[in-house]
């Protein structure tokens, strides 16, 4: 019987977003500050919804076309 895959992550850390977008920490925080990339704070940790990252990528692709 195959092992079930874990559910996809709903929230991403800043380093995960950095790796996904191939950007530096400063650039990711600039996107958050400018409200182009929504985020939440959980305690002292900043988290970015995974679907927000996908929306950001799609928006950038549409504006580049």
PDB file of N, CA and C in Angstrom:
ATOM      1  N   UNK A   1       0.837  -1.167   0.000  1.00  0.00           N
ATOM      2  CA  UNK A   1       0.000   0.000   0.000  1.00  0.00           C
ATOM      3  C   UNK A   1       0.891   1.242   0.000  1.00  0.00           C
ATOM      4  N   UNK A   2       0.667   2.196  -0.945  1.00  0.00           N
ATOM      5  CA  UNK A   2       1.530   3.383  -1.011  1.00  0.00           C
ATOM      6  C   UNK A   2       1.322   4.295   0.190  1.00  0.00           C
ATOM      7  N   UNK A   3       2.391   4.967   0.566  1.00  0.00           N
ATOM      8  CA  UNK A   3       2.341   5.910   1.670  1.00  0.00           C
ATOM      9  C   UNK A   3       1.715   7.207   1.184  1.00  0.00           C
ATOM     10  N   UNK A   4       0.828   7.763   1.987  1.00  0.00           N
ATOM     11  CA  UNK A   4       0.188   9.024   1.618  1.00  0.00           C
ATOM     12  C   UNK A   4       1.196  10.164   1.696  1.00  0.00           C
ATOM     13  N   UNK A   5       1.121  11.076   0.737  1.00  0.00           N
ATOM     14  CA  UNK A   5       1.991  12.246   0.742  1.00  0.00           C
ATOM     15  C   UNK A   5       1.480  13.248   1.764  1.00  0.00           C
ATOM     16  N   UNK A   6       2.395  14.019   2.351  1.00  0.00           N
ATOM     17  CA  UNK A   6       1.936  15.038   3.293  1.00  0.00           C
ATOM     18  C   UNK A   6       1.195  16.134   2.544  1.00  0.00           C
ATOM     19  N   UNK A   7       0.270  16.808   3.206  1.00  0.00           N
ATOM     20  CA  UNK A   7      -0.454  17.883   2.526  1.00  0.00           C
ATOM     21  C   UNK A   7       0.507  19.019   2.178  1.00  0.00           C
ATOM     22  N   UNK A   8       0.208  19.762   1.123  1.00  0.00           N
ATOM     23  CA  UNK A   8       1.095  20.878   0.773  1.00  0.00           C
ATOM     24  C   UNK A   8       1.072  21.935   1.867  1.00  0.00           C
ATOM     25  N   UNK A   9       2.169  22.629   2.011  1.00  0.00           N
ATOM     26  CA  UNK A   9       2.265  23.663   3.042  1.00  0.00           C
ATOM     27  C   UNK A   9       1.348  24.825   2.709  1.00  0.00           C
ATOM     28  N   UNK A  10       0.604  25.293   3.686  1.00  0.00           N
ATOM     29  CA  UNK A  10      -0.257  26.457   3.496  1.00  0.00           C
ATOM     30  C   UNK A  10       0.511  27.754   3.691  1.00  0.00           C
ATOM     31  N   UNK A  11       1.499  27.708   4.593  1.00  0.00           N
ATOM     32  CA  UNK A  11       2.297  28.887   4.883  1.00  0.00           C
ATOM     33  C   UNK A  11       3.758  28.610   4.603  1.00  0.00           C
ATOM     34  N   UNK A  12       4.434  29.617   4.077  1.00  0.00           N
ATOM     35  CA  UNK A  12       5.860  29.485   3.755  1.00  0.00           C
ATOM     36  C   UNK A  12       6.663  30.455   4.617  1.00  0.00           C
ATOM     37  N   UNK A  13       7.888  30.068   4.926  1.00  0.00           N
ATOM     38  CA  UNK A  13       8.801  30.958   5.630  1.00  0.00           C
ATOM     39  C   UNK A  13       9.461  31.892   4.614  1.00  0.00           C
ATOM     40  N   UNK A  14      10.082  32.953   5.116  1.00  0.00           N
ATOM     41  CA  UNK A  14      10.792  33.872   4.218  1.00  0.00           C
ATOM     42  C   UNK A  14      11.891  33.129   3.454  1.00  0.00           C
ATOM     43  N   UNK A  15      12.704  32.274   4.095  1.00  0.00           N
ATOM     44  CA  UNK A  15      13.710  31.538   3.313  1.00  0.00           C
ATOM     45  C   UNK A  15      13.104  30.645   2.225  1.00  0.00           C
ATOM     46  N   UNK A  16      11.937  30.055   2.478  1.00  0.00           N
ATOM     47  CA  UNK A  16      11.281  29.245   1.454  1.00  0.00           C
ATOM     48  C   UNK A  16      10.829  30.110   0.277  1.00  0.00           C
ATOM     49  N   UNK A  17      10.308  31.294   0.580  1.00  0.00           N
ATOM     50  CA  UNK A  17       9.911  32.214  -0.488  1.00  0.00           C
ATOM     51  C   UNK A  17      11.142  32.686  -1.250  1.00  0.00           C
ATOM     52  N   UNK A  18      12.220  32.962  -0.534  1.00  0.00           N
ATOM     53  CA  UNK A  18      13.470  33.365  -1.186  1.00  0.00           C
ATOM     54  C   UNK A  18      13.914  32.309  -2.188  1.00  0.00           C
ATOM     55  N   UNK A  19      13.865  31.049  -1.786  1.00  0.00           N
ATOM     56  CA  UNK A  19      14.284  29.954  -2.665  1.00  0.00           C
ATOM     57  C   UNK A  19      13.323  29.794  -3.839  1.00  0.00           C
ATOM     58  N   UNK A  20      12.026  29.938  -3.584  1.00  0.00           N
ATOM     59  CA  UNK A  20      11.032  29.771  -4.641  1.00  0.00           C
ATOM     60  C   UNK A  20      11.159  30.851  -5.696  1.00  0.00           C
ATOM     61  N   UNK A  21      11.326  32.101  -5.256  1.00  0.00           N
ATOM     62  CA  UNK A  21      11.391  33.224  -6.190  1.00  0.00           C
ATOM     63  C   UNK A  21      12.813  33.550  -6.643  1.00  0.00           C
ATOM     64  N   UNK A  22      13.791  32.859  -6.066  1.00  0.00           N
ATOM     65  CA  UNK A  22      15.203  33.116  -6.375  1.00  0.00           C
ATOM     66  C   UNK A  22      15.558  34.580  -6.111  1.00  0.00           C
ATOM     67  N   UNK A  23      15.115  35.072  -4.938  1.00  0.00           N
ATOM     68  CA  UNK A  23      15.368  36.446  -4.519  1.00  0.00           C
ATOM     69  C   UNK A  23      16.073  36.446  -3.170  1.00  0.00           C
ATOM     70  N   UNK A  24      16.675  37.561  -2.861  1.00  0.00           N
ATOM     71  CA  UNK A  24      17.320  37.714  -1.566  1.00  0.00           C
ATOM     72  C   UNK A  24      16.326  38.122  -0.497  1.00  0.00           C
ATOM     73  N   UNK A  25      16.769  38.050   0.740  1.00  0.00           N
ATOM     74  CA  UNK A  25      15.927  38.389   1.888  1.00  0.00           C
ATOM     75  C   UNK A  25      15.404  39.830   1.783  1.00  0.00           C
ATOM     76  N   UNK A  26      16.265  40.764   1.429  1.00  0.00           N
ATOM     77  CA  UNK A  26      15.873  42.170   1.320  1.00  0.00           C
ATOM     78  C   UNK A  26      14.753  42.339   0.293  1.00  0.00           C
ATOM     79  N   UNK A  27      14.867  41.684  -0.842  1.00  0.00           N
ATOM     80  CA  UNK A  27      13.843  41.791  -1.892  1.00  0.00           C
ATOM     81  C   UNK A  27      12.505  41.219  -1.433  1.00  0.00           C
ATOM     82  N   UNK A  28      12.539  40.093  -0.730  1.00  0.00           N
ATOM     83  CA  UNK A  28      11.292  39.490  -0.237  1.00  0.00           C
ATOM     84  C   UNK A  28      10.634  40.410   0.784  1.00  0.00           C
ATOM     85  N   UNK A  29      11.408  40.971   1.715  1.00  0.00           N
ATOM     86  CA  UNK A  29      10.829  41.883   2.696  1.00  0.00           C
ATOM     87  C   UNK A  29      10.326  43.163   2.029  1.00  0.00           C
ATOM     88  N   UNK A  30      10.975  43.624   0.950  1.00  0.00           N
ATOM     89  CA  UNK A  30      10.461  44.782   0.206  1.00  0.00           C
ATOM     90  C   UNK A  30       9.105  44.464  -0.417  1.00  0.00           C
ATOM     91  N   UNK A  31       8.934  43.265  -0.956  1.00  0.00           N
ATOM     92  CA  UNK A  31       7.646  42.850  -1.518  1.00  0.00           C
ATOM     93  C   UNK A  31       6.575  42.807  -0.426  1.00  0.00           C
ATOM     94  N   UNK A  32       6.944  42.353   0.755  1.00  0.00           N
ATOM     95  CA  UNK A  32       6.000  42.303   1.877  1.00  0.00           C
ATOM     96  C   UNK A  32       5.638  43.720   2.311  1.00  0.00           C
ATOM     97  N   UNK A  33       6.653  44.589   2.464  1.00  0.00           N
ATOM     98  CA  UNK A  33       6.402  45.977   2.884  1.00  0.00           C
ATOM     99  C   UNK A  33       5.531  46.733   1.893  1.00  0.00           C
ATOM    100  N   UNK A  34       5.720  46.465   0.602  1.00  0.00           N
ATOM    101  CA  UNK A  34       4.961  47.176  -0.432  1.00  0.00           C
ATOM    102  C   UNK A  34       3.579  46.565  -0.658  1.00  0.00           C
ATOM    103  N   UNK A  35       3.251  45.543   0.122  1.00  0.00           N
ATOM    104  CA  UNK A  35       1.947  44.851   0.042  1.00  0.00           C
ATOM    105  C   UNK A  35       1.758  44.087  -1.272  1.00  0.00           C
ATOM    106  N   UNK A  36       2.827  43.861  -2.023  1.00  0.00           N
ATOM    107  CA  UNK A  36       2.735  43.054  -3.235  1.00  0.00           C
ATOM    108  C   UNK A  36       2.716  41.570  -2.889  1.00  0.00           C
ATOM    109  N   UNK A  37       3.190  41.251  -1.686  1.00  0.00           N
ATOM    110  CA  UNK A  37       3.210  39.876  -1.206  1.00  0.00           C
ATOM    111  C   UNK A  37       2.638  39.881   0.214  1.00  0.00           C
ATOM    112  N   UNK A  38       1.374  39.465   0.375  1.00  0.00           N
ATOM    113  CA  UNK A  38       0.772  39.495   1.711  1.00  0.00           C
ATOM    114  C   UNK A  38       1.439  38.497   2.654  1.00  0.00           C
ATOM    115  N   UNK A  39       1.413  38.833   3.937  1.00  0.00           N
ATOM    116  CA  UNK A  39       2.010  37.936   4.929  1.00  0.00           C
ATOM    117  C   UNK A  39       1.272  38.110   6.249  1.00  0.00           C
ATOM    118  N   UNK A  40       1.526  37.173   7.140  1.00  0.00           N
ATOM    119  CA  UNK A  40       0.988  37.243   8.496  1.00  0.00           C
ATOM    120  C   UNK A  40       2.135  37.043   9.469  1.00  0.00           C
ATOM    121  N   UNK A  41       1.913  37.469  10.687  1.00  0.00           N
ATOM    122  CA  UNK A  41       2.894  37.247  11.743  1.00  0.00           C
ATOM    123  C   UNK A  41       2.287  36.287  12.749  1.00  0.00           C
ATOM    124  N   UNK A  42       3.005  35.222  13.029  1.00  0.00           N
ATOM    125  CA  UNK A  42       2.602  34.236  14.025  1.00  0.00           C
ATOM    126  C   UNK A  42       3.665  34.291  15.114  1.00  0.00           C
ATOM    127  N   UNK A  43       3.299  34.904  16.239  1.00  0.00           N
ATOM    128  CA  UNK A  43       4.311  35.157  17.266  1.00  0.00           C
ATOM    129  C   UNK A  43       5.313  36.163  16.708  1.00  0.00           C
ATOM    130  N   UNK A  44       6.558  35.763  16.633  1.00  0.00           N
ATOM    131  CA  UNK A  44       7.591  36.616  16.037  1.00  0.00           C
ATOM    132  C   UNK A  44       7.956  36.169  14.633  1.00  0.00           C
ATOM    133  N   UNK A  45       7.276  35.151  14.131  1.00  0.00           N
ATOM    134  CA  UNK A  45       7.625  34.575  12.828  1.00  0.00           C
ATOM    135  C   UNK A  45       6.748  35.156  11.724  1.00  0.00           C
ATOM    136  N   UNK A  46       7.358  35.519  10.628  1.00  0.00           N
ATOM    137  CA  UNK A  46       6.648  36.011   9.445  1.00  0.00           C
ATOM    138  C   UNK A  46       6.341  34.819   8.557  1.00  0.00           C
ATOM    139  N   UNK A  47       5.088  34.704   8.114  1.00  0.00           N
ATOM    140  CA  UNK A  47       4.683  33.608   7.232  1.00  0.00           C
ATOM    141  C   UNK A  47       3.930  34.179   6.044  1.00  0.00           C
ATOM    142  N   UNK A  48       4.171  33.585   4.880  1.00  0.00           N
ATOM    143  CA  UNK A  48       3.558  34.015   3.636  1.00  0.00           C
ATOM    144  C   UNK A  48       2.699  32.865   3.126  1.00  0.00           C
ATOM    145  N   UNK A  49       1.410  33.125   2.865  1.00  0.00           N
ATOM    146  CA  UNK A  49       0.564  32.056   2.326  1.00  0.00           C
ATOM    147  C   UNK A  49       1.104  31.569   0.976  1.00  0.00           C
ATOM    148  N   UNK A  50       1.146  30.264   0.798  1.00  0.00           N
ATOM    149  CA  UNK A  50       1.671  29.687  -0.441  1.00  0.00           C
ATOM    150  C   UNK A  50       0.866  30.159  -1.645  1.00  0.00           C
ATOM    151  N   UNK A  51      -0.451  30.287  -1.499  1.00  0.00           N
ATOM    152  CA  UNK A  51      -1.253  30.739  -2.639  1.00  0.00           C
ATOM    153  C   UNK A  51      -0.957  32.194  -2.986  1.00  0.00           C
ATOM    154  N   UNK A  52      -0.512  33.001  -2.016  1.00  0.00           N
ATOM    155  CA  UNK A  52      -0.123  34.384  -2.297  1.00  0.00           C
ATOM    156  C   UNK A  52       1.132  34.418  -3.164  1.00  0.00           C
ATOM    157  N   UNK A  53       2.051  33.490  -2.917  1.00  0.00           N
ATOM    158  CA  UNK A  53       3.259  33.411  -3.743  1.00  0.00           C
ATOM    159  C   UNK A  53       2.881  33.036  -5.175  1.00  0.00           C
ATOM    160  N   UNK A  54       1.962  32.081  -5.331  1.00  0.00           N
ATOM    161  CA  UNK A  54       1.516  31.675  -6.667  1.00  0.00           C
ATOM    162  C   UNK A  54       0.795  32.821  -7.368  1.00  0.00           C
ATOM    163  N   UNK A  55      -0.036  33.560  -6.633  1.00  0.00           N
ATOM    164  CA  UNK A  55      -0.728  34.719  -7.226  1.00  0.00           C
ATOM    165  C   UNK A  55       0.278  35.774  -7.666  1.00  0.00           C
ATOM    166  N   UNK A  56       1.307  36.013  -6.839  1.00  0.00           N
ATOM    167  CA  UNK A  56       2.338  36.990  -7.180  1.00  0.00           C
ATOM    168  C   UNK A  56       3.036  36.594  -8.481  1.00  0.00           C
ATOM    169  N   UNK A  57       3.397  35.323  -8.600  1.00  0.00           N
ATOM    170  CA  UNK A  57       4.066  34.849  -9.815  1.00  0.00           C
ATOM    171  C   UNK A  57       3.150  35.033 -11.021  1.00  0.00           C
ATOM    172  N   UNK A  58       1.882  34.649 -10.902  1.00  0.00           N
ATOM    173  CA  UNK A  58       0.939  34.783 -12.021  1.00  0.00           C
ATOM    174  C   UNK A  58       0.726  36.243 -12.401  1.00  0.00           C
ATOM    175  N   UNK A  59       0.634  37.124 -11.420  1.00  0.00           N
ATOM    176  CA  UNK A  59       0.469  38.559 -11.685  1.00  0.00           C
ATOM    177  C   UNK A  59       1.675  39.094 -12.438  1.00  0.00           C
ATOM    178  N   UNK A  60       2.864  38.702 -12.001  1.00  0.00           N
ATOM    179  CA  UNK A  60       4.076  39.159 -12.678  1.00  0.00           C
ATOM    180  C   UNK A  60       4.153  38.634 -14.111  1.00  0.00           C
ATOM    181  N   UNK A  61       3.742  37.390 -14.311  1.00  0.00           N
ATOM    182  CA  UNK A  61       3.730  36.822 -15.658  1.00  0.00           C
ATOM    183  C   UNK A  61       2.741  37.554 -16.564  1.00  0.00           C
ATOM    184  N   UNK A  62       1.560  37.874 -16.029  1.00  0.00           N
ATOM    185  CA  UNK A  62       0.541  38.571 -16.817  1.00  0.00           C
ATOM    186  C   UNK A  62       0.989  39.989 -17.166  1.00  0.00           C
ATOM    187  N   UNK A  63       1.641  40.672 -16.228  1.00  0.00           N
ATOM    188  CA  UNK A  63       2.080  42.033 -16.509  1.00  0.00           C
ATOM    189  C   UNK A  63       3.272  42.066 -17.472  1.00  0.00           C
ATOM    190  N   UNK A  64       4.023  40.971 -17.534  1.00  0.00           N
ATOM    191  CA  UNK A  64       5.153  40.889 -18.459  1.00  0.00           C
ATOM    192  C   UNK A  64       4.714  40.562 -19.883  1.00  0.00           C
ATOM    193  N   UNK A  65       3.515  40.040 -20.033  1.00  0.00           N
ATOM    194  CA  UNK A  65       3.038  39.633 -21.359  1.00  0.00           C
ATOM    195  C   UNK A  65       2.545  40.801 -22.173  1.00  0.00           C
TER     196      UNK A  65
END
